[in-house]
C-alpha atoms as a PDB file:
ATOM      1  CA  UNK A   1     -31.925  43.818 -74.397  1.00  0.00           C
ATOM      2  CA  UNK A   2     -31.593  47.605 -74.376  1.00  0.00           C
ATOM      3  CA  UNK A   3     -33.629  47.835 -77.585  1.00  0.00           C
ATOM      4  CA  UNK A   4     -36.340  45.637 -76.062  1.00  0.00           C
ATOM      5  CA  UNK A   5     -36.407  47.828 -72.969  1.00  0.00           C
ATOM      6  CA  UNK A   6     -36.679  50.935 -75.122  1.00  0.00           C
ATOM      7  CA  UNK A   7     -39.583  49.456 -77.064  1.00  0.00           C
ATOM      8  CA  UNK A   8     -41.316  48.443 -73.835  1.00  0.00           C
ATOM      9  CA  UNK A   9     -40.769  51.904 -72.369  1.00  0.00           C
ATOM     10  CA  UNK A  10     -42.134  53.758 -75.380  1.00  0.00           C
ATOM     11  CA  UNK A  11     -45.110  51.415 -75.513  1.00  0.00           C
ATOM     12  CA  UNK A  12     -45.802  52.101 -71.814  1.00  0.00           C
ATOM     13  CA  UNK A  13     -45.361  55.848 -72.364  1.00  0.00           C
ATOM     14  CA  UNK A  14     -47.820  55.755 -75.254  1.00  0.00           C
ATOM     15  CA  UNK A  15     -50.279  53.653 -73.268  1.00  0.00           C
ATOM     16  CA  UNK A  16     -50.096  56.074 -70.327  1.00  0.00           C
ATOM     17  CA  UNK A  17     -50.632  59.036 -72.651  1.00  0.00           C
ATOM     18  CA  UNK A  18     -53.666  57.372 -74.234  1.00  0.00           C
ATOM     19  CA  UNK A  19     -55.126  56.439 -70.856  1.00  0.00           C
ATOM     20  CA  UNK A  20     -54.777  59.897 -69.387  1.00  0.00           C
ATOM     21  CA  UNK A  21     -56.044  61.567 -72.595  1.00  0.00           C
ATOM     22  CA  UNK A  22     -59.173  59.409 -72.457  1.00  0.00           C
ATOM     23  CA  UNK A  23     -59.667  60.281 -68.790  1.00  0.00           C
ATOM     24  CA  UNK A  24     -59.176  63.991 -69.408  1.00  0.00           C
ATOM     25  CA  UNK A  25     -61.683  63.929 -72.261  1.00  0.00           C
ATOM     26  CA  UNK A  26     -64.284  62.939 -69.673  1.00  0.00           C
ATOM     27  CA  UNK A  27     -63.018  64.950 -66.705  1.00  0.00           C
ATOM     28  CA  UNK A  28     -62.642  68.286 -68.521  1.00  0.00           C
ATOM     29  CA  UNK A  29     -65.825  70.342 -68.942  1.00  0.00           C
ATOM     30  CA  UNK A  30     -67.547  70.126 -72.319  1.00  0.00           C
ATOM     31  CA  UNK A  31     -66.525  72.916 -74.730  1.00  0.00           C
ATOM     32  CA  UNK A  32     -69.672  74.975 -74.213  1.00  0.00           C
ATOM     33  CA  UNK A  33     -67.867  78.122 -73.011  1.00  0.00           C
ATOM     34  CA  UNK A  34     -64.717  79.931 -74.090  1.00  0.00           C
ATOM     35  CA  UNK A  35     -62.942  79.036 -70.851  1.00  0.00           C
ATOM     36  CA  UNK A  36     -63.833  75.361 -71.257  1.00  0.00           C
ATOM     37  CA  UNK A  37     -62.594  75.439 -74.862  1.00  0.00           C
ATOM     38  CA  UNK A  38     -59.311  76.958 -73.700  1.00  0.00           C
ATOM     39  CA  UNK A  39     -58.950  74.353 -70.927  1.00  0.00           C
ATOM     40  CA  UNK A  40     -59.364  71.535 -73.424  1.00  0.00           C
ATOM     41  CA  UNK A  41     -57.098  73.205 -75.988  1.00  0.00           C
ATOM     42  CA  UNK A  42     -54.250  73.497 -73.479  1.00  0.00           C
ATOM     43  CA  UNK A  43     -54.661  70.100 -71.829  1.00  0.00           C
ATOM     44  CA  UNK A  44     -55.467  67.898 -74.820  1.00  0.00           C
ATOM     45  CA  UNK A  45     -52.821  69.377 -77.103  1.00  0.00           C
ATOM     46  CA  UNK A  46     -50.391  66.492 -76.750  1.00  0.00           C
ATOM     47  CA  UNK A  47     -47.076  66.660 -74.946  1.00  0.00           C
ATOM     48  CA  UNK A  48     -44.856  63.934 -73.549  1.00  0.00           C
ATOM     49  CA  UNK A  49     -47.174  63.120 -70.617  1.00  0.00           C
ATOM     50  CA  UNK A  50     -44.064  62.228 -68.631  1.00  0.00           C
ATOM     51  CA  UNK A  51     -45.609  63.278 -65.314  1.00  0.00           C
ATOM     52  CA  UNK A  52     -48.668  61.154 -66.026  1.00  0.00           C
ATOM     53  CA  UNK A  53     -46.430  58.235 -66.963  1.00  0.00           C
ATOM     54  CA  UNK A  54     -44.443  58.554 -63.715  1.00  0.00           C
ATOM     55  CA  UNK A  55     -47.615  58.584 -61.634  1.00  0.00           C
ATOM     56  CA  UNK A  56     -48.966  55.491 -63.373  1.00  0.00           C
ATOM     57  CA  UNK A  57     -45.686  53.551 -63.355  1.00  0.00           C
ATOM     58  CA  UNK A  58     -44.962  54.177 -59.683  1.00  0.00           C
ATOM     59  CA  UNK A  59     -48.515  53.212 -58.794  1.00  0.00           C
ATOM     60  CA  UNK A  60     -47.954  49.912 -60.607  1.00  0.00           C
ATOM     61  CA  UNK A  61     -45.012  49.183 -58.295  1.00  0.00           C
ATOM     62  CA  UNK A  62     -47.530  49.009 -55.443  1.00  0.00           C
ATOM     63  CA  UNK A  63     -50.357  47.271 -57.344  1.00  0.00           C
ATOM     64  CA  UNK A  64     -52.614  50.322 -57.242  1.00  0.00           C
ATOM     65  CA  UNK A  65     -55.808  49.970 -59.322  1.00  0.00           C
ATOM     66  CA  UNK A  66     -55.350  51.466 -62.793  1.00  0.00           C
ATOM     67  CA  UNK A  67     -58.355  53.774 -62.400  1.00  0.00           C
ATOM     68  CA  UNK A  68     -56.852  55.403 -59.318  1.00  0.00           C
ATOM     69  CA  UNK A  69     -53.454  55.797 -60.968  1.00  0.00           C
ATOM     70  CA  UNK A  70     -54.916  57.391 -64.092  1.00  0.00           C
ATOM     71  CA  UNK A  71     -56.931  59.878 -62.043  1.00  0.00           C
ATOM     72  CA  UNK A  72     -53.776  60.939 -60.191  1.00  0.00           C
ATOM     73  CA  UNK A  73     -52.048  61.217 -63.570  1.00  0.00           C
ATOM     74  CA  UNK A  74     -54.895  63.364 -64.927  1.00  0.00           C
ATOM     75  CA  UNK A  75     -54.676  65.649 -61.896  1.00  0.00           C
ATOM     76  CA  UNK A  76     -50.952  66.306 -62.340  1.00  0.00           C
ATOM     77  CA  UNK A  77     -51.468  66.938 -66.063  1.00  0.00           C
ATOM     78  CA  UNK A  78     -54.116  69.553 -65.224  1.00  0.00           C
ATOM     79  CA  UNK A  79     -51.661  71.329 -62.915  1.00  0.00           C
ATOM     80  CA  UNK A  80     -48.931  71.105 -65.545  1.00  0.00           C
ATOM     81  CA  UNK A  81     -51.219  72.515 -68.249  1.00  0.00           C
ATOM     82  CA  UNK A  82     -52.292  75.384 -65.990  1.00  0.00           C
ATOM     83  CA  UNK A  83     -48.656  76.217 -65.248  1.00  0.00           C
ATOM     84  CA  UNK A  84     -47.788  76.333 -68.948  1.00  0.00           C
ATOM     85  CA  UNK A  85     -50.740  78.585 -69.753  1.00  0.00           C
ATOM     86  CA  UNK A  86     -49.681  81.057 -67.071  1.00  0.00           C
ATOM     87  CA  UNK A  87     -45.947  80.783 -67.839  1.00  0.00           C
ATOM     88  CA  UNK A  88     -46.635  81.750 -71.453  1.00  0.00           C
ATOM     89  CA  UNK A  89     -48.451  84.973 -70.510  1.00  0.00           C
ATOM     90  CA  UNK A  90     -46.868  88.369 -71.340  1.00  0.00           C
ATOM     91  CA  UNK A  91     -46.324  89.037 -67.623  1.00  0.00           C
ATOM     92  CA  UNK A  92     -44.275  85.840 -67.358  1.00  0.00           C
ATOM     93  CA  UNK A  93     -42.299  84.351 -70.277  1.00  0.00           C
ATOM     94  CA  UNK A  94     -44.335  86.049 -73.034  1.00  0.00           C
ATOM     95  CA  UNK A  95     -44.346  83.095 -75.437  1.00  0.00           C
ATOM     96  CA  UNK A  96     -46.408  82.839 -78.608  1.00  0.00           C
ATOM     97  CA  UNK A  97     -45.863  79.147 -79.329  1.00  0.00           C
ATOM     98  CA  UNK A  98     -46.422  76.010 -77.269  1.00  0.00           C
ATOM     99  CA  UNK A  99     -46.204  72.473 -78.683  1.00  0.00           C
ATOM    100  CA  UNK A 100     -46.156  73.966 -82.163  1.00  0.00           C
ATOM    101  CA  UNK A 101     -49.445  75.819 -81.691  1.00  0.00           C
ATOM    102  CA  UNK A 102     -50.396  79.349 -80.589  1.00  0.00           C
ATOM    103  CA  UNK A 103     -50.351  79.750 -76.819  1.00  0.00           C
ATOM    104  CA  UNK A 104     -53.727  80.163 -75.098  1.00  0.00           C
ATOM    105  CA  UNK A 105     -53.448  83.919 -74.641  1.00  0.00           C
ATOM    106  CA  UNK A 106     -52.553  84.279 -78.325  1.00  0.00           C
ATOM    107  CA  UNK A 107     -55.421  82.105 -79.529  1.00  0.00           C
ATOM    108  CA  UNK A 108     -57.870  83.898 -77.231  1.00  0.00           C
ATOM    109  CA  UNK A 109     -56.693  86.634 -74.842  1.00  0.00           C
ATOM    110  CA  UNK A 110     -54.924  87.148 -71.516  1.00  0.00           C
ATOM    111  CA  UNK A 111     -58.102  86.997 -69.434  1.00  0.00           C
ATOM    112  CA  UNK A 112     -59.192  83.698 -70.963  1.00  0.00           C
ATOM    113  CA  UNK A 113     -55.721  82.253 -70.374  1.00  0.00           C
ATOM    114  CA  UNK A 114     -55.723  83.288 -66.720  1.00  0.00           C
ATOM    115  CA  UNK A 115     -59.204  81.881 -66.115  1.00  0.00           C
ATOM    116  CA  UNK A 116     -58.497  78.637 -67.968  1.00  0.00           C
ATOM    117  CA  UNK A 117     -55.374  78.123 -65.881  1.00  0.00           C
ATOM    118  CA  UNK A 118     -57.236  78.853 -62.661  1.00  0.00           C
ATOM    119  CA  UNK A 119     -59.988  76.425 -63.613  1.00  0.00           C
ATOM    120  CA  UNK A 120     -57.504  73.666 -64.449  1.00  0.00           C
ATOM    121  CA  UNK A 121     -55.831  74.075 -61.076  1.00  0.00           C
ATOM    122  CA  UNK A 122     -59.199  73.753 -59.344  1.00  0.00           C
ATOM    123  CA  UNK A 123     -60.102  70.729 -61.457  1.00  0.00           C
ATOM    124  CA  UNK A 124     -56.936  68.902 -60.382  1.00  0.00           C
ATOM    125  CA  UNK A 125     -57.981  69.042 -56.748  1.00  0.00           C
ATOM    126  CA  UNK A 126     -61.577  68.154 -57.617  1.00  0.00           C
ATOM    127  CA  UNK A 127     -60.299  64.999 -59.322  1.00  0.00           C
ATOM    128  CA  UNK A 128     -58.211  63.982 -56.313  1.00  0.00           C
ATOM    129  CA  UNK A 129     -61.044  64.719 -53.857  1.00  0.00           C
ATOM    130  CA  UNK A 130     -63.444  62.306 -55.547  1.00  0.00           C
ATOM    131  CA  UNK A 131     -63.874  58.813 -54.043  1.00  0.00           C
ATOM    132  CA  UNK A 132     -63.118  57.289 -57.459  1.00  0.00           C
ATOM    133  CA  UNK A 133     -59.478  58.275 -56.877  1.00  0.00           C
ATOM    134  CA  UNK A 134     -59.242  56.388 -53.575  1.00  0.00           C
ATOM    135  CA  UNK A 135     -61.883  55.024 -51.244  1.00  0.00           C
ATOM    136  CA  UNK A 136     -59.817  55.965 -48.181  1.00  0.00           C
ATOM    137  CA  UNK A 137     -60.377  59.695 -47.479  1.00  0.00           C
ATOM    138  CA  UNK A 138     -57.023  59.869 -45.679  1.00  0.00           C
ATOM    139  CA  UNK A 139     -55.251  58.958 -48.905  1.00  0.00           C
ATOM    140  CA  UNK A 140     -57.233  61.551 -50.852  1.00  0.00           C
ATOM    141  CA  UNK A 141     -56.379  64.233 -48.296  1.00  0.00           C
ATOM    142  CA  UNK A 142     -52.684  63.354 -48.444  1.00  0.00           C
ATOM    143  CA  UNK A 143     -52.669  63.493 -52.249  1.00  0.00           C
ATOM    144  CA  UNK A 144     -54.349  66.900 -52.142  1.00  0.00           C
ATOM    145  CA  UNK A 145     -52.068  68.293 -49.437  1.00  0.00           C
ATOM    146  CA  UNK A 146     -48.887  67.142 -51.152  1.00  0.00           C
ATOM    147  CA  UNK A 147     -50.019  68.465 -54.549  1.00  0.00           C
ATOM    148  CA  UNK A 148     -50.875  71.818 -52.979  1.00  0.00           C
ATOM    149  CA  UNK A 149     -47.366  71.979 -51.512  1.00  0.00           C
ATOM    150  CA  UNK A 150     -45.717  70.885 -54.765  1.00  0.00           C
ATOM    151  CA  UNK A 151     -47.584  73.384 -56.916  1.00  0.00           C
ATOM    152  CA  UNK A 152     -47.728  76.357 -54.536  1.00  0.00           C
ATOM    153  CA  UNK A 153     -45.343  78.869 -52.996  1.00  0.00           C
ATOM    154  CA  UNK A 154     -43.155  76.100 -51.548  1.00  0.00           C
ATOM    155  CA  UNK A 155     -42.936  74.396 -54.948  1.00  0.00           C
ATOM    156  CA  UNK A 156     -43.628  75.267 -58.569  1.00  0.00           C
ATOM    157  CA  UNK A 157     -44.983  78.781 -58.001  1.00  0.00           C
ATOM    158  CA  UNK A 158     -42.105  79.564 -55.657  1.00  0.00           C
ATOM    159  CA  UNK A 159     -39.621  78.512 -58.318  1.00  0.00           C
ATOM    160  CA  UNK A 160     -41.293  80.687 -60.931  1.00  0.00           C
ATOM    161  CA  UNK A 161     -41.246  83.621 -58.507  1.00  0.00           C
ATOM    162  CA  UNK A 162     -37.494  83.185 -57.985  1.00  0.00           C
ATOM    163  CA  UNK A 163     -37.010  83.061 -61.750  1.00  0.00           C
ATOM    164  CA  UNK A 164     -38.923  86.304 -62.282  1.00  0.00           C
ATOM    165  CA  UNK A 165     -37.142  88.010 -59.397  1.00  0.00           C
ATOM    166  CA  UNK A 166     -33.730  87.138 -60.858  1.00  0.00           C
ATOM    167  CA  UNK A 167     -34.745  88.414 -64.281  1.00  0.00           C
ATOM    168  CA  UNK A 168     -36.177  91.626 -62.832  1.00  0.00           C
ATOM    169  CA  UNK A 169     -33.033  92.237 -60.813  1.00  0.00           C
ATOM    170  CA  UNK A 170     -30.889  91.699 -63.894  1.00  0.00           C
ATOM    171  CA  UNK A 171     -28.511  89.575 -61.832  1.00  0.00           C
ATOM    172  CA  UNK A 172     -27.920  86.050 -63.248  1.00  0.00           C
ATOM    173  CA  UNK A 173     -28.112  83.225 -60.723  1.00  0.00           C
ATOM    174  CA  UNK A 174     -25.169  81.045 -59.756  1.00  0.00           C
ATOM    175  CA  UNK A 175     -25.196  77.247 -60.072  1.00  0.00           C
ATOM    176  CA  UNK A 176     -26.476  76.592 -56.557  1.00  0.00           C
ATOM    177  CA  UNK A 177     -29.251  79.149 -56.941  1.00  0.00           C
ATOM    178  CA  UNK A 178     -30.440  77.872 -60.307  1.00  0.00           C
ATOM    179  CA  UNK A 179     -30.364  74.296 -59.010  1.00  0.00           C
ATOM    180  CA  UNK A 180     -32.574  75.299 -56.067  1.00  0.00           C
ATOM    181  CA  UNK A 181     -34.872  77.268 -58.389  1.00  0.00           C
ATOM    182  CA  UNK A 182     -35.380  74.386 -60.796  1.00  0.00           C
ATOM    183  CA  UNK A 183     -35.915  71.913 -57.951  1.00  0.00           C
ATOM    184  CA  UNK A 184     -39.008  73.982 -57.190  1.00  0.00           C
ATOM    185  CA  UNK A 185     -40.129  75.143 -60.631  1.00  0.00           C
ATOM    186  CA  UNK A 186     -39.744  71.819 -62.464  1.00  0.00           C
ATOM    187  CA  UNK A 187     -38.799  69.212 -59.891  1.00  0.00           C
ATOM    188  CA  UNK A 188     -41.575  69.615 -57.316  1.00  0.00           C
ATOM    189  CA  UNK A 189     -44.358  68.506 -59.648  1.00  0.00           C
ATOM    190  CA  UNK A 190     -42.289  65.579 -60.951  1.00  0.00           C
ATOM    191  CA  UNK A 191     -41.684  64.556 -57.329  1.00  0.00           C
ATOM    192  CA  UNK A 192     -45.425  64.633 -56.663  1.00  0.00           C
ATOM    193  CA  UNK A 193     -46.070  62.444 -59.689  1.00  0.00           C
ATOM    194  CA  UNK A 194     -43.894  59.630 -58.331  1.00  0.00           C
ATOM    195  CA  UNK A 195     -44.966  60.181 -54.735  1.00  0.00           C
ATOM    196  CA  UNK A 196     -48.630  59.857 -55.716  1.00  0.00           C
ATOM    197  CA  UNK A 197     -48.149  56.212 -56.657  1.00  0.00           C
ATOM    198  CA  UNK A 198     -46.641  55.465 -53.250  1.00  0.00           C
ATOM    199  CA  UNK A 199     -49.384  57.384 -51.435  1.00  0.00           C
ATOM    200  CA  UNK A 200     -52.061  55.445 -53.303  1.00  0.00           C
ATOM    201  CA  UNK A 201     -50.202  52.233 -52.458  1.00  0.00           C
ATOM    202  CA  UNK A 202     -49.760  53.208 -48.796  1.00  0.00           C
ATOM    203  CA  UNK A 203     -46.009  52.747 -49.180  1.00  0.00           C
ATOM    204  CA  UNK A 204     -42.813  54.638 -48.435  1.00  0.00           C
ATOM    205  CA  UNK A 205     -41.807  57.109 -51.155  1.00  0.00           C
ATOM    206  CA  UNK A 206     -38.259  57.966 -50.007  1.00  0.00           C
ATOM    207  CA  UNK A 207     -36.404  56.235 -52.854  1.00  0.00           C
ATOM    208  CA  UNK A 208     -38.909  57.404 -55.445  1.00  0.00           C
ATOM    209  CA  UNK A 209     -38.603  61.019 -54.363  1.00  0.00           C
ATOM    210  CA  UNK A 210     -34.799  60.790 -54.612  1.00  0.00           C
ATOM    211  CA  UNK A 211     -35.275  59.330 -58.096  1.00  0.00           C
ATOM    212  CA  UNK A 212     -37.624  62.157 -59.076  1.00  0.00           C
ATOM    213  CA  UNK A 213     -35.333  64.877 -57.732  1.00  0.00           C
ATOM    214  CA  UNK A 214     -32.462  63.654 -59.908  1.00  0.00           C
ATOM    215  CA  UNK A 215     -34.743  63.060 -62.894  1.00  0.00           C
ATOM    216  CA  UNK A 216     -36.351  66.499 -62.601  1.00  0.00           C
ATOM    217  CA  UNK A 217     -33.011  68.279 -62.600  1.00  0.00           C
ATOM    218  CA  UNK A 218     -31.744  66.207 -65.535  1.00  0.00           C
ATOM    219  CA  UNK A 219     -34.950  67.018 -67.407  1.00  0.00           C
ATOM    220  CA  UNK A 220     -34.428  70.751 -66.889  1.00  0.00           C
ATOM    221  CA  UNK A 221     -30.782  70.569 -67.936  1.00  0.00           C
ATOM    222  CA  UNK A 222     -31.872  68.878 -71.162  1.00  0.00           C
ATOM    223  CA  UNK A 223     -34.372  71.709 -71.704  1.00  0.00           C
ATOM    224  CA  UNK A 224     -31.504  74.183 -71.360  1.00  0.00           C
ATOM    225  CA  UNK A 225     -29.417  72.130 -73.793  1.00  0.00           C
ATOM    226  CA  UNK A 226     -32.228  72.008 -76.348  1.00  0.00           C
ATOM    227  CA  UNK A 227     -32.719  75.750 -75.995  1.00  0.00           C
ATOM    228  CA  UNK A 228     -29.268  76.300 -77.536  1.00  0.00           C
ATOM    229  CA  UNK A 229     -28.928  73.243 -79.793  1.00  0.00           C
ATOM    230  CA  UNK A 230     -32.407  72.766 -81.247  1.00  0.00           C
ATOM    231  CA  UNK A 231     -34.985  74.806 -83.161  1.00  0.00           C
ATOM    232  CA  UNK A 232     -38.575  75.960 -82.676  1.00  0.00           C
ATOM    233  CA  UNK A 233     -39.629  73.499 -85.382  1.00  0.00           C
ATOM    234  CA  UNK A 234     -38.310  70.560 -83.351  1.00  0.00           C
ATOM    235  CA  UNK A 235     -39.170  71.735 -79.833  1.00  0.00           C
ATOM    236  CA  UNK A 236     -42.540  73.310 -80.659  1.00  0.00           C
ATOM    237  CA  UNK A 237     -41.636  76.483 -78.759  1.00  0.00           C
ATOM    238  CA  UNK A 238     -39.278  79.435 -79.071  1.00  0.00           C
ATOM    239  CA  UNK A 239     -35.593  78.668 -78.520  1.00  0.00           C
ATOM    240  CA  UNK A 240     -32.557  80.693 -77.364  1.00  0.00           C
ATOM    241  CA  UNK A 241     -34.777  83.087 -75.425  1.00  0.00           C
ATOM    242  CA  UNK A 242     -32.852  82.613 -72.174  1.00  0.00           C
ATOM    243  CA  UNK A 243     -29.483  83.451 -73.704  1.00  0.00           C
ATOM    244  CA  UNK A 244     -30.980  86.446 -75.496  1.00  0.00           C
ATOM    245  CA  UNK A 245     -32.361  87.685 -72.182  1.00  0.00           C
ATOM    246  CA  UNK A 246     -29.052  87.114 -70.400  1.00  0.00           C
ATOM    247  CA  UNK A 247     -30.568  84.545 -68.023  1.00  0.00           C
ATOM    248  CA  UNK A 248     -28.339  82.002 -66.340  1.00  0.00           C
ATOM    249  CA  UNK A 249     -28.903  78.406 -67.416  1.00  0.00           C
ATOM    250  CA  UNK A 250     -27.055  75.165 -66.786  1.00  0.00           C
ATOM    251  CA  UNK A 251     -25.458  75.560 -70.214  1.00  0.00           C
ATOM    252  CA  UNK A 252     -24.314  79.133 -69.604  1.00  0.00           C
ATOM    253  CA  UNK A 253     -22.866  78.141 -66.224  1.00  0.00           C
ATOM    254  CA  UNK A 254     -21.377  74.744 -67.077  1.00  0.00           C
ATOM    255  CA  UNK A 255     -20.867  74.961 -70.831  1.00  0.00           C
ATOM    256  CA  UNK A 256     -22.577  72.581 -73.236  1.00  0.00           C
ATOM    257  CA  UNK A 257     -20.338  69.583 -72.508  1.00  0.00           C
ATOM    258  CA  UNK A 258     -20.424  70.254 -68.781  1.00  0.00           C
ATOM    259  CA  UNK A 259     -24.218  70.429 -68.804  1.00  0.00           C
ATOM    260  CA  UNK A 260     -24.446  67.191 -70.779  1.00  0.00           C
ATOM    261  CA  UNK A 261     -22.146  65.441 -68.294  1.00  0.00           C
ATOM    262  CA  UNK A 262     -24.145  66.798 -65.353  1.00  0.00           C
ATOM    263  CA  UNK A 263     -27.338  65.458 -66.891  1.00  0.00           C
ATOM    264  CA  UNK A 264     -25.784  62.021 -67.449  1.00  0.00           C
ATOM    265  CA  UNK A 265     -24.522  61.917 -63.859  1.00  0.00           C
ATOM    266  CA  UNK A 266     -27.991  62.776 -62.568  1.00  0.00           C
ATOM    267  CA  UNK A 267     -29.548  60.012 -64.652  1.00  0.00           C
ATOM    268  CA  UNK A 268     -27.041  57.561 -63.179  1.00  0.00           C
ATOM    269  CA  UNK A 269     -27.979  58.725 -59.684  1.00  0.00           C
ATOM    270  CA  UNK A 270     -31.687  58.424 -60.492  1.00  0.00           C
ATOM    271  CA  UNK A 271     -31.273  54.865 -61.743  1.00  0.00           C
ATOM    272  CA  UNK A 272     -29.283  53.852 -58.657  1.00  0.00           C
ATOM    273  CA  UNK A 273     -32.178  54.856 -56.385  1.00  0.00           C
ATOM    274  CA  UNK A 274     -34.424  52.370 -58.203  1.00  0.00           C
ATOM    275  CA  UNK A 275     -32.225  49.326 -57.549  1.00  0.00           C
ATOM    276  CA  UNK A 276     -34.373  48.112 -54.598  1.00  0.00           C
ATOM    277  CA  UNK A 277     -37.330  47.694 -56.990  1.00  0.00           C
ATOM    278  CA  UNK A 278     -35.449  45.434 -59.392  1.00  0.00           C
ATOM    279  CA  UNK A 279     -36.902  44.733 -62.824  1.00  0.00           C
ATOM    280  CA  UNK A 280     -40.273  46.197 -61.792  1.00  0.00           C
ATOM    281  CA  UNK A 281     -38.702  49.642 -62.201  1.00  0.00           C
ATOM    282  CA  UNK A 282     -37.260  49.062 -65.674  1.00  0.00           C
ATOM    283  CA  UNK A 283     -39.634  51.531 -67.322  1.00  0.00           C
ATOM    284  CA  UNK A 284     -38.803  54.157 -64.720  1.00  0.00           C
ATOM    285  CA  UNK A 285     -35.108  53.620 -65.421  1.00  0.00           C
ATOM    286  CA  UNK A 286     -35.737  54.121 -69.115  1.00  0.00           C
ATOM    287  CA  UNK A 287     -37.727  57.266 -68.294  1.00  0.00           C
ATOM    288  CA  UNK A 288     -34.618  58.714 -66.670  1.00  0.00           C
ATOM    289  CA  UNK A 289     -32.613  58.086 -69.833  1.00  0.00           C
ATOM    290  CA  UNK A 290     -35.456  59.456 -71.970  1.00  0.00           C
ATOM    291  CA  UNK A 291     -35.285  62.732 -70.023  1.00  0.00           C
ATOM    292  CA  UNK A 292     -31.902  63.514 -71.564  1.00  0.00           C
ATOM    293  CA  UNK A 293     -32.267  61.705 -74.892  1.00  0.00           C
ATOM    294  CA  UNK A 294     -35.413  63.508 -76.047  1.00  0.00           C
ATOM    295  CA  UNK A 295     -35.345  66.121 -78.797  1.00  0.00           C
ATOM    296  CA  UNK A 296     -38.269  68.256 -77.584  1.00  0.00           C
END
């Protein structure tokens, strides 16, 4: 049964990735300018599409039309791509490699990377504002407002700011601080992805948000684990940068085995929150396990 569930999950993940890639091909501007080329390069360069998958799967719980779900998924992938472009810049994480390819500022330059990221952020909100996403303008406004909160100073950007501040101060964070940081930097956008399905379905998102909070933290812990156990060839990006910089991670604070146990416990918590949805949430349950079983 577990093998069948795994096959079904990976098939759904692949289907979601294909659906959102097709949508983004149309929604992104044609490659007639350097900025447009950079936008497409960053957004259509593969990746797990986990956020897109979560948006689509949660929307299915509430029988949301596929077109609406895919547009929400495309919007969150635009925000995610913009965040990666900016995170890779010299003023941030200064990375040369992303998904096994040169980062945007390396392929072009810093200015192009900044502008491409800005344009992708704007495109995400343009997608959500269109009536094709939802006929009810109240739903569209709620999607936009919640994504703004999740990606702004009270969410992803706020988490990145805390990360930079800690690095600048040269004072490693403690476990509570790094948990709070990652809840913003990584978790907020994952929470929006699952909440979007409930918003589109005019349903309560309380359980789904609890699921996403646990999943997001487990996902980040696995990133920290891979940073010390994997290689650039497998992950598609530089590894062991955090330890070299003396930054606190879940592994440095808990040890490798402690971090692995923490991730497993979080996955168990995430799965428990999905019990009210029964078998309809099987793929979401498998997504929680995938977050800590992945190798990149």
